[in-house]
Protein backbone atom coordinates (compact mmCIF):
# COMPACT_ATOMS: atom_id res chain seq x y z
CA MET A 1 102.35 130.66 172.11
CA SER A 2 102.47 133.67 169.79
CA ASP A 3 102.66 137.52 169.72
CA THR A 4 99.40 139.47 170.23
CA GLU A 5 98.77 142.52 168.27
CA ASN A 6 96.77 145.56 169.63
CA ASN A 7 93.86 144.46 167.82
CA GLY A 8 94.08 141.04 169.49
CA VAL A 9 95.12 139.05 166.52
CA PRO A 10 98.10 136.63 167.47
CA ALA A 11 101.32 137.64 165.46
CA GLU A 12 102.92 134.74 163.46
CA HIS A 13 99.34 132.97 163.60
CA PRO A 14 97.61 132.48 160.26
CA THR A 15 94.09 134.04 160.15
CA GLY A 16 91.39 133.63 157.43
CA ASP A 17 93.55 130.78 155.69
CA LEU A 18 92.18 128.60 153.10
CA PRO A 19 92.48 124.84 153.90
CA PRO A 20 95.67 123.44 151.99
CA GLY A 21 95.17 121.42 148.78
CA ASN A 22 94.04 117.92 149.11
CA PRO A 23 102.55 112.56 145.32
CA ASP A 24 127.52 84.48 129.20
CA GLU A 25 128.61 84.09 126.54
CA PRO A 26 127.39 80.52 124.99
CA THR A 27 130.02 77.79 125.42
CA THR A 28 131.09 75.24 122.96
CA PRO A 29 130.08 71.73 123.76
CA TYR A 30 132.66 69.01 124.38
CA GLU A 31 133.86 67.65 121.14
CA ALA A 32 135.26 63.98 120.87
CA GLN A 33 138.96 63.62 119.69
CA PRO A 34 139.08 62.64 115.91
CA ALA A 35 138.28 59.05 115.11
CA ALA A 36 136.72 58.43 118.39
CA PRO A 37 132.94 57.23 118.40
CA ALA A 38 130.50 60.08 119.10
CA PRO A 39 129.06 59.81 122.51
CA ALA A 40 125.17 59.91 122.87
CA GLU A 41 124.03 63.23 124.11
CA ALA A 42 123.21 63.32 127.97
CA PRO A 43 119.46 63.91 128.89
CA GLN A 44 118.97 67.73 129.31
CA PRO A 45 116.87 69.75 131.56
CA PRO A 46 113.66 71.19 130.13
CA ALA A 47 113.78 74.58 128.91
CA TYR A 48 111.91 77.45 130.94
CA GLY A 49 108.24 76.74 130.46
CA SER A 50 108.45 73.11 129.60
CA PRO A 51 106.37 70.53 131.44
CA LEU A 52 106.67 70.42 134.99
CA TYR A 53 108.48 68.00 137.38
CA GLY A 54 107.20 64.47 136.64
CA SER A 55 107.20 64.83 133.00
CA THR A 56 109.19 62.06 131.00
CA SER A 57 111.24 64.90 129.52
CA ALA A 58 112.20 65.97 133.30
CA TYR A 59 115.75 66.42 134.22
CA GLY A 60 117.23 63.30 135.47
CA ALA A 61 115.11 60.96 133.59
CA PRO A 62 116.79 57.74 132.32
CA PRO A 63 117.44 57.12 128.60
CA ALA A 64 114.81 55.33 126.70
CA TYR A 65 114.87 51.58 126.33
CA GLY A 66 117.69 50.52 123.83
CA GLU A 67 119.34 53.90 123.80
CA PRO A 68 122.84 54.01 124.94
CA ALA A 69 123.63 55.49 128.18
CA TYR A 70 125.80 58.57 128.49
CA THR A 71 129.59 57.87 127.75
CA PRO A 72 131.86 60.30 129.54
CA PRO A 73 134.69 62.02 127.68
CA PRO A 74 138.30 60.47 127.85
CA THR A 75 140.01 61.27 131.01
CA TYR A 76 142.17 64.43 130.72
CA GLY A 77 145.46 63.52 129.46
CA ALA A 78 144.55 59.99 128.30
CA PRO A 79 144.46 59.27 124.47
CA ALA A 80 141.52 58.87 122.86
CA PRO A 81 140.45 55.58 121.24
CA GLY A 82 142.27 54.95 118.05
CA VAL A 83 144.70 57.68 118.81
CA GLN A 84 148.62 56.69 118.75
CA PRO A 85 149.87 57.33 122.30
CA PRO A 86 152.89 59.84 122.42
CA ASN A 87 156.48 58.25 122.39
CA PRO A 88 157.92 58.54 125.67
CA TYR A 89 161.54 58.60 124.38
CA ALA A 90 160.84 61.41 121.92
CA VAL A 91 163.11 64.60 122.71
CA THR A 92 160.92 67.44 123.95
CA PRO A 93 161.42 70.79 122.44
CA GLN A 94 162.88 73.42 124.54
CA ALA A 95 160.87 76.28 125.59
CA ALA A 96 161.11 79.63 123.69
CA PRO A 97 163.90 81.80 125.14
CA GLY A 98 162.79 84.36 127.85
CA ARG A 99 159.48 82.31 128.60
CA PRO A 100 158.94 81.31 132.23
CA SER A 101 159.14 77.68 133.13
CA GLY A 102 156.00 76.04 134.17
CA TRP A 103 156.75 75.81 137.80
CA ILE A 104 156.49 79.55 138.27
CA TRP A 105 152.80 79.94 137.50
CA PRO A 106 151.34 78.27 140.60
CA ILE A 107 153.34 80.71 142.69
CA VAL A 108 152.19 83.59 140.74
CA ALA A 109 148.68 82.46 141.19
CA ALA A 110 149.20 82.01 144.91
CA ILE A 111 150.59 85.31 145.52
CA ALA A 112 147.83 87.08 143.53
CA LEU A 113 145.27 85.12 145.73
CA VAL A 114 146.87 86.23 148.95
CA VAL A 115 146.93 90.01 147.57
CA GLY A 116 143.45 89.85 146.51
CA LEU A 117 142.15 88.47 149.96
CA ILE A 118 144.11 91.27 151.76
CA GLY A 119 142.75 94.02 149.42
CA GLY A 120 139.19 92.69 149.64
CA ALA A 121 139.57 92.77 153.53
CA ILE A 122 140.94 96.20 153.85
CA GLY A 123 138.25 97.53 151.30
CA GLY A 124 135.50 95.72 153.11
CA SER A 125 136.50 97.33 156.30
CA LEU A 126 136.57 100.89 154.83
CA VAL A 127 133.29 100.42 153.55
CA ASP A 128 131.81 99.22 156.85
CA ASN A 129 133.55 102.02 158.42
CA GLY A 130 131.95 104.57 156.04
CA ASN A 131 128.49 103.20 156.20
CA ASN A 132 128.67 103.40 160.05
CA ASN A 133 129.92 106.95 160.16
CA SER A 134 127.14 108.25 157.88
CA SER A 135 124.36 106.34 159.74
CA THR A 136 125.17 107.43 163.38
CA SER A 137 125.48 111.18 162.76
CA THR A 138 123.43 113.01 165.52
CA PRO A 139 122.27 116.67 165.33
CA ASP A 140 124.31 119.10 167.47
CA VAL A 141 122.00 120.15 170.21
CA GLY A 142 124.18 121.94 172.58
CA ILE A 143 124.40 120.61 176.31
CA LEU A 144 122.64 117.13 175.58
CA LYS A 145 125.52 114.73 174.63
CA LEU A 146 122.92 112.39 173.19
CA GLN A 147 125.46 110.63 171.00
CA GLN A 148 127.31 109.40 174.17
CA GLN A 149 124.13 108.59 176.29
CA SER A 150 122.13 106.86 173.44
CA ALA A 151 122.26 103.25 172.50
CA PRO A 152 124.34 102.28 169.31
CA PRO A 153 122.21 101.67 166.22
CA LEU A 154 121.77 98.42 164.53
CA ALA A 155 123.79 97.66 161.32
CA ALA A 156 123.24 99.58 158.52
CA ASN A 157 122.21 96.50 156.58
CA ASN A 158 119.91 95.18 159.26
CA ALA A 159 116.69 95.66 157.37
CA SER A 160 114.76 93.61 160.04
CA ILE A 161 111.67 94.94 161.62
CA PRO A 162 111.70 92.08 164.47
CA ALA A 163 115.28 93.29 165.20
CA VAL A 164 114.30 97.05 165.43
CA ALA A 165 111.34 95.89 167.58
CA ALA A 166 113.53 93.89 169.98
CA LYS A 167 115.75 97.08 170.20
CA VAL A 168 113.27 99.87 170.70
CA LEU A 169 110.43 98.40 172.82
CA PRO A 170 112.42 98.28 176.15
CA SER A 171 113.03 101.99 175.59
CA THR A 172 109.30 102.86 174.84
CA VAL A 173 106.85 103.59 177.55
CA GLN A 174 103.04 104.09 177.92
CA ILE A 175 101.83 107.26 179.58
CA VAL A 176 98.56 107.72 181.45
CA ALA A 177 98.01 111.24 182.55
CA GLU A 178 94.98 111.92 184.97
CA TYR A 179 93.33 115.15 185.67
CA ASP A 180 90.12 116.54 186.81
CA HIS A 181 90.42 114.78 190.03
CA ARG A 182 91.02 111.47 188.19
CA ALA A 183 87.76 111.67 186.72
CA GLN A 184 89.34 111.80 183.45
CA GLY A 185 92.78 110.98 181.70
CA ALA A 186 94.87 110.95 178.49
CA THR A 187 96.81 107.83 177.31
CA GLY A 188 99.85 108.26 175.28
CA SER A 189 103.41 106.92 174.68
CA GLY A 190 107.07 108.20 174.99
CA PHE A 191 110.47 107.05 175.08
CA VAL A 192 113.67 107.20 177.26
CA LEU A 193 115.78 110.10 176.13
CA ASP A 194 118.86 109.50 178.45
CA ARG A 195 120.36 107.72 181.34
CA ALA A 196 119.21 110.49 183.69
CA GLY A 197 115.54 109.00 183.34
CA HIS A 198 114.21 111.81 181.04
CA VAL A 199 111.21 110.78 178.75
CA ILE A 200 110.12 112.54 175.64
CA THR A 201 106.16 112.61 174.99
CA ASN A 202 103.79 115.09 173.33
CA ASN A 203 102.64 118.11 175.13
CA HIS A 204 99.10 117.20 174.39
CA VAL A 205 99.34 114.13 176.23
CA VAL A 206 100.22 115.60 179.57
CA GLU A 207 98.96 119.22 179.32
CA GLN A 208 95.72 118.69 181.15
CA ALA A 209 97.30 116.65 183.95
CA ALA A 210 100.22 119.41 184.39
CA ALA A 211 97.45 122.09 184.60
CA ASP A 212 95.43 120.25 187.17
CA ASN A 213 98.40 118.93 189.07
CA GLY A 214 97.10 115.48 188.31
CA PRO A 215 99.29 112.19 188.52
CA ILE A 216 101.00 111.01 185.57
CA ASP A 217 101.89 107.14 185.53
CA VAL A 218 104.54 105.77 183.17
CA ILE A 219 104.42 102.15 182.42
CA ASP A 220 107.56 100.29 180.91
CA GLN A 221 107.53 97.10 178.69
CA SER A 222 107.71 94.77 181.66
CA GLY A 223 104.42 96.49 183.30
CA ARG A 224 106.26 98.17 186.21
CA HIS A 225 104.50 101.54 187.01
CA MET A 226 106.60 104.71 187.63
CA LYS A 227 105.59 108.25 188.57
CA ALA A 228 106.58 111.20 186.44
CA THR A 229 106.89 114.98 186.90
CA VAL A 230 106.93 117.46 183.94
CA VAL A 231 110.27 119.05 183.33
CA GLY A 232 108.90 121.42 180.72
CA ARG A 233 106.55 121.46 177.75
CA SER A 234 106.07 123.50 174.64
CA THR A 235 102.74 123.94 173.17
CA VAL A 236 104.20 125.48 170.02
CA TYR A 237 106.07 122.33 169.13
CA ASP A 238 103.86 119.95 171.06
CA ILE A 239 106.89 118.59 173.07
CA ALA A 240 107.03 117.65 176.70
CA VAL A 241 109.93 116.41 178.73
CA LEU A 242 109.33 114.25 181.91
CA LYS A 243 111.46 113.13 184.69
CA VAL A 244 110.55 109.51 185.55
CA ASP A 245 111.60 107.84 188.73
CA GLY A 246 113.04 104.51 187.88
CA ALA A 247 113.39 105.18 184.24
CA GLN A 248 117.29 105.32 184.85
CA ASP A 249 117.05 101.59 184.56
CA LEU A 250 115.66 101.70 181.34
CA PRO A 251 117.95 101.86 178.00
CA PRO A 252 117.88 105.22 176.13
CA VAL A 253 117.05 105.23 172.41
CA SER A 254 119.36 105.77 169.63
CA ILE A 255 119.08 109.11 167.82
CA GLY A 256 118.85 109.32 164.15
CA SER A 257 118.07 112.10 161.63
CA ALA A 258 114.86 113.01 159.83
CA ASN A 259 116.58 115.21 157.59
CA GLN A 260 118.71 112.30 156.20
CA MET A 261 115.62 110.06 155.64
CA ARG A 262 114.34 109.75 151.98
CA VAL A 263 110.91 109.42 150.96
CA GLY A 264 109.95 105.67 150.46
CA GLU A 265 112.27 104.55 153.30
CA THR A 266 110.86 102.04 155.80
CA VAL A 267 110.01 103.27 159.34
CA VAL A 268 108.58 101.68 162.44
CA ALA A 269 106.25 103.13 164.82
CA PHE A 270 106.02 102.42 168.39
CA GLY A 271 103.45 103.09 171.05
CA SER A 272 100.24 102.34 172.91
CA PRO A 273 97.36 102.94 170.35
CA LEU A 274 94.07 102.74 171.94
CA GLY A 275 95.80 101.84 175.21
CA LEU A 276 97.32 98.61 173.56
CA SER A 277 100.75 98.82 175.06
CA ALA A 278 104.06 97.86 173.28
CA THR A 279 102.41 98.02 169.94
CA VAL A 280 104.72 98.03 166.76
CA THR A 281 103.56 99.09 163.21
CA SER A 282 105.42 99.73 160.12
CA GLY A 283 105.22 101.75 156.88
CA ILE A 284 107.20 104.22 154.75
CA ILE A 285 108.15 107.71 154.75
CA SER A 286 105.43 109.34 152.51
CA ALA A 287 106.75 112.85 152.60
CA LYS A 288 108.95 115.08 154.58
CA ARG A 289 108.61 118.87 155.58
CA ARG A 290 104.84 118.57 155.66
CA PRO A 291 103.37 121.79 157.19
CA VAL A 292 100.77 120.58 159.71
CA THR A 293 99.00 122.20 162.38
CA THR A 294 97.40 120.52 165.46
CA GLY A 295 95.13 122.03 168.20
CA ASP A 296 93.47 125.11 168.35
CA GLY A 297 93.80 128.65 169.53
CA SER A 298 96.61 129.14 171.92
CA ASP A 299 97.28 125.31 172.02
CA ALA A 300 97.74 125.16 168.28
CA SER A 301 101.20 123.60 167.25
CA TYR A 302 102.79 124.34 163.96
CA ILE A 303 105.16 121.37 162.60
CA SER A 304 107.36 120.73 159.55
CA ALA A 305 106.36 117.02 159.78
CA VAL A 306 107.56 113.77 158.46
CA GLN A 307 104.54 112.11 156.95
CA THR A 308 104.18 108.25 157.18
CA ASP A 309 101.72 105.63 156.33
CA ALA A 310 102.61 103.42 159.37
CA ALA A 311 99.50 102.82 161.42
CA ILE A 312 99.36 105.48 164.13
CA ASN A 313 96.15 105.95 166.29
CA PRO A 314 95.29 107.65 169.40
CA GLY A 315 97.59 106.67 172.13
CA ASN A 316 100.59 106.46 169.81
CA SER A 317 101.02 110.13 170.63
CA GLY A 318 104.62 110.81 172.04
CA GLY A 319 105.86 107.32 170.93
CA PRO A 320 109.01 107.02 168.73
CA LEU A 321 109.09 106.73 164.89
CA VAL A 322 112.17 104.86 163.97
CA ASP A 323 114.31 103.79 160.95
CA LEU A 324 115.61 100.24 160.40
CA GLN A 325 118.72 100.90 162.35
CA GLY A 326 116.53 101.51 165.31
CA GLN A 327 117.26 105.15 165.58
CA VAL A 328 114.51 107.53 166.37
CA ILE A 329 113.78 109.95 163.52
CA GLY A 330 110.71 111.63 164.94
CA VAL A 331 108.01 111.61 167.45
CA ASN A 332 104.40 110.28 166.57
CA SER A 333 102.06 113.42 166.98
CA ALA A 334 98.90 113.58 164.76
CA ILE A 335 96.91 111.84 162.26
CA ALA A 336 94.80 112.99 159.26
CA THR A 337 91.09 112.44 159.33
CA VAL A 338 88.46 112.50 156.79
CA GLY A 339 87.20 116.06 156.56
CA SER A 340 90.08 117.58 158.23
CA SER A 341 93.80 118.20 157.61
CA SER A 342 95.16 116.81 160.77
CA SER A 343 93.71 115.88 164.34
CA GLY A 344 94.83 114.83 167.79
CA SER A 345 91.23 113.58 168.25
CA GLN A 346 90.01 110.12 168.75
CA SER A 347 90.05 109.07 165.17
CA ALA A 348 90.99 105.92 163.20
CA ASN A 349 94.15 105.78 161.13
CA ILE A 350 93.48 106.32 157.29
CA GLY A 351 97.37 105.97 156.43
CA VAL A 352 98.18 109.69 156.70
CA SER A 353 100.03 110.35 160.02
CA PHE A 354 102.66 112.80 161.11
CA ALA A 355 105.71 112.96 163.30
CA ILE A 356 107.83 115.89 164.79
CA PRO A 357 111.36 115.62 163.14
CA ILE A 358 113.80 114.61 165.90
CA GLU A 359 116.13 117.54 165.14
CA GLN A 360 113.30 119.85 166.47
CA VAL A 361 112.71 117.57 169.32
CA LEU A 362 116.11 117.76 170.34
CA VAL A 363 116.48 121.50 170.27
CA THR A 364 113.29 121.76 172.28
CA ALA A 365 114.26 119.30 174.71
CA ASN A 366 117.54 121.09 175.08
CA GLN A 367 116.08 124.37 175.92
CA ILE A 368 113.81 122.76 178.30
CA LEU A 369 116.49 120.64 180.16
CA ARG A 370 118.63 123.81 180.40
CA THR A 371 116.12 126.46 181.34
CA GLY A 372 112.62 124.64 182.22
CA LYS A 373 111.04 126.33 179.33
CA ALA A 374 111.10 126.49 175.45
CA GLU A 375 111.43 129.36 173.09
CA TYR A 376 110.24 129.61 169.54
CA PRO A 377 111.19 132.34 166.76
CA VAL A 378 108.86 135.05 165.74
CA MET A 379 109.26 137.88 163.14
CA GLY A 380 106.50 140.13 164.41
CA VAL A 381 103.87 139.65 161.77
CA THR A 382 100.39 138.25 161.24
CA VAL A 383 99.89 136.63 158.01
CA ARG A 384 96.73 135.17 156.19
CA GLY A 385 96.43 133.16 152.99
CA ASN A 386 95.21 134.58 149.68
CA ALA A 387 92.14 133.23 147.60
CA ALA A 388 94.56 131.98 144.78
CA GLY A 389 96.63 129.85 147.22
CA THR A 390 99.78 131.35 145.89
CA GLY A 391 101.37 132.75 149.29
CA ALA A 392 100.33 134.66 152.11
CA VAL A 393 99.63 138.27 152.60
CA VAL A 394 101.18 140.52 155.40
CA ARG A 395 98.26 141.49 157.74
CA SER A 396 99.88 143.37 160.49
CA ILE A 397 103.33 144.27 161.69
CA THR A 398 104.09 144.59 165.23
CA VAL A 399 106.07 147.76 166.36
CA GLY A 400 109.59 146.99 167.91
CA THR A 401 110.04 143.69 166.22
CA PRO A 402 112.51 142.76 163.45
CA ALA A 403 109.70 142.92 160.87
CA ALA A 404 109.02 146.47 161.72
CA SER A 405 112.66 147.64 160.85
CA ALA A 406 112.95 145.54 157.68
CA ASN A 407 111.46 146.26 154.34
CA LEU A 408 108.36 144.74 154.88
CA ARG A 409 104.78 146.39 154.59
CA VAL A 410 101.16 145.40 155.11
CA GLY A 411 99.72 143.96 152.04
CA ASP A 412 102.96 142.42 150.84
CA LEU A 413 102.58 138.85 149.49
CA ILE A 414 105.08 136.15 150.69
CA THR A 415 105.61 133.69 148.19
CA LYS A 416 108.64 131.89 149.52
CA VAL A 417 110.50 131.34 152.80
CA ASP A 418 114.11 130.44 152.51
CA GLY A 419 113.74 129.62 148.94
CA LEU A 420 110.81 127.28 149.49
CA PRO A 421 107.39 128.12 148.07
CA VAL A 422 104.33 128.66 150.26
CA THR A 423 100.80 128.29 149.44
CA GLY A 424 99.10 129.91 152.60
CA SER A 425 99.85 131.21 156.12
CA ILE A 426 100.56 127.75 157.79
CA ASP A 427 103.49 127.35 155.46
CA VAL A 428 104.98 130.66 156.60
CA VAL A 429 104.52 129.91 160.18
CA VAL A 430 105.86 126.51 159.99
CA ALA A 431 108.80 127.67 157.82
CA VAL A 432 109.76 130.31 160.34
CA ARG A 433 109.49 127.95 163.27
CA THR A 434 112.09 125.56 161.91
CA HIS A 435 114.68 128.22 162.76
CA GLN A 436 115.90 129.24 166.25
CA PRO A 437 115.76 132.51 167.80
CA GLY A 438 118.63 134.59 166.76
CA GLU A 439 118.66 133.45 163.17
CA LYS A 440 117.46 135.00 160.14
CA ALA A 441 114.57 134.00 157.61
CA THR A 442 114.53 135.04 154.08
CA LEU A 443 111.25 136.00 152.73
CA THR A 444 110.46 136.37 148.96
CA ILE A 445 107.91 139.36 148.65
CA GLN A 446 105.73 140.53 145.67
CA ARG A 447 104.76 144.06 145.92
CA GLY A 448 103.51 146.34 142.97
CA GLY A 449 104.43 143.98 140.39
CA LYS A 450 108.09 143.61 141.66
CA THR A 451 109.63 140.51 143.43
CA PHE A 452 112.46 140.88 145.86
CA ASP A 453 113.92 139.08 148.91
CA VAL A 454 113.93 140.40 152.35
CA SER A 455 116.11 139.06 155.32
CA ILE A 456 114.36 139.42 158.68
CA GLY A 457 115.98 138.41 162.10
CA LEU A 458 114.16 136.22 164.54
CA ILE A 459 113.54 136.95 168.18
CA GLY A 460 112.56 134.30 170.72
CA LYS A 461 109.27 133.85 172.56
CA THR A 462 108.44 131.50 175.42
CA GLY A 463 105.83 128.77 174.27
């Protein structure tokens, strides 16, 4: 998973780090024509806060006994009582020169109505097209043409969790991975990636079975059992790709983007928590780019995670986290527990859960499907947090790595990576691993009272 120094300390791996810190205008009433008797006022509805329905002052109550009923105003065009009707033989004055005759106005109104309707239809179409274009963007991940293989998303204004569930459940599976000669097993979740029958899950769901050549059973929403083999897996990113016989018949998911999501947006989690298959829970995105580490030692994974308060429990691992268009934006991977920052162990949900962003999942899946293995980037250094929690100290630099030829020294304090502040070693490792091999990372360094940036190339390691 990581470089190893001569002294046995894994490079790119934090050591001795402290635990991370634990947010109208009023209208004029009708007036009777002159000399007309004043009509009685109609009963009015009660004002806001008046007595409830059933009160004598309620709207629609009849007038009191002896009180005249409401007399409607004169019909439009009819003379009011007491008013002399107009002389039909009187000569009508001519209209002012240049003023259009009365017949023209209905035509003008009709034309304006038609133009308005056409313009509204065109504008609505443009808005819809714009919404669709912005909501279906898919990360460029190389050989995987996922936008062609995946299902179309739901309408952007859908906002219906039942509709999301109906769309995604057929693409979600339960995974039972047995090991130690079937004496033990792990239960998790996954989702159909493409029409070739590839399924995405977490590495920690299948790693023991893969090491022990144990059977991996995949169960779809209808209860059908299918056998799976491991195409490849990454301990560093906690991702595994399975090939499932029969999953070609299952619909692939629609792919979204974690990067385009905003904190506070609604998300829906799918999986088999505690063995309860086809379970749906919902919540919001609580945070983005949360540095999280799971596992121990060589099995540790470092994730720039999406944090959510959707209920996720053991057995949800590997299942999809989706937006309200039914697009997968992450893979459910870890939950926080009381007394620890995160854990994949059998613990109850406390409203703090983490998912791997779909962008990273697609990069890793692409590598696995192309070569059978995954790579992660390294600089060639080991780091540890400082007591003040203001950065990470360079502990060692490996000869022959990009770090060795950069303006970097043991004892330098790394305060930022790519302009983002770091508070400890985990932040540094997670930030670096959001890159791909061949790219560069920019470190902000403090040394001898001076602050400067150092650009370091990244090489790839298998893991």
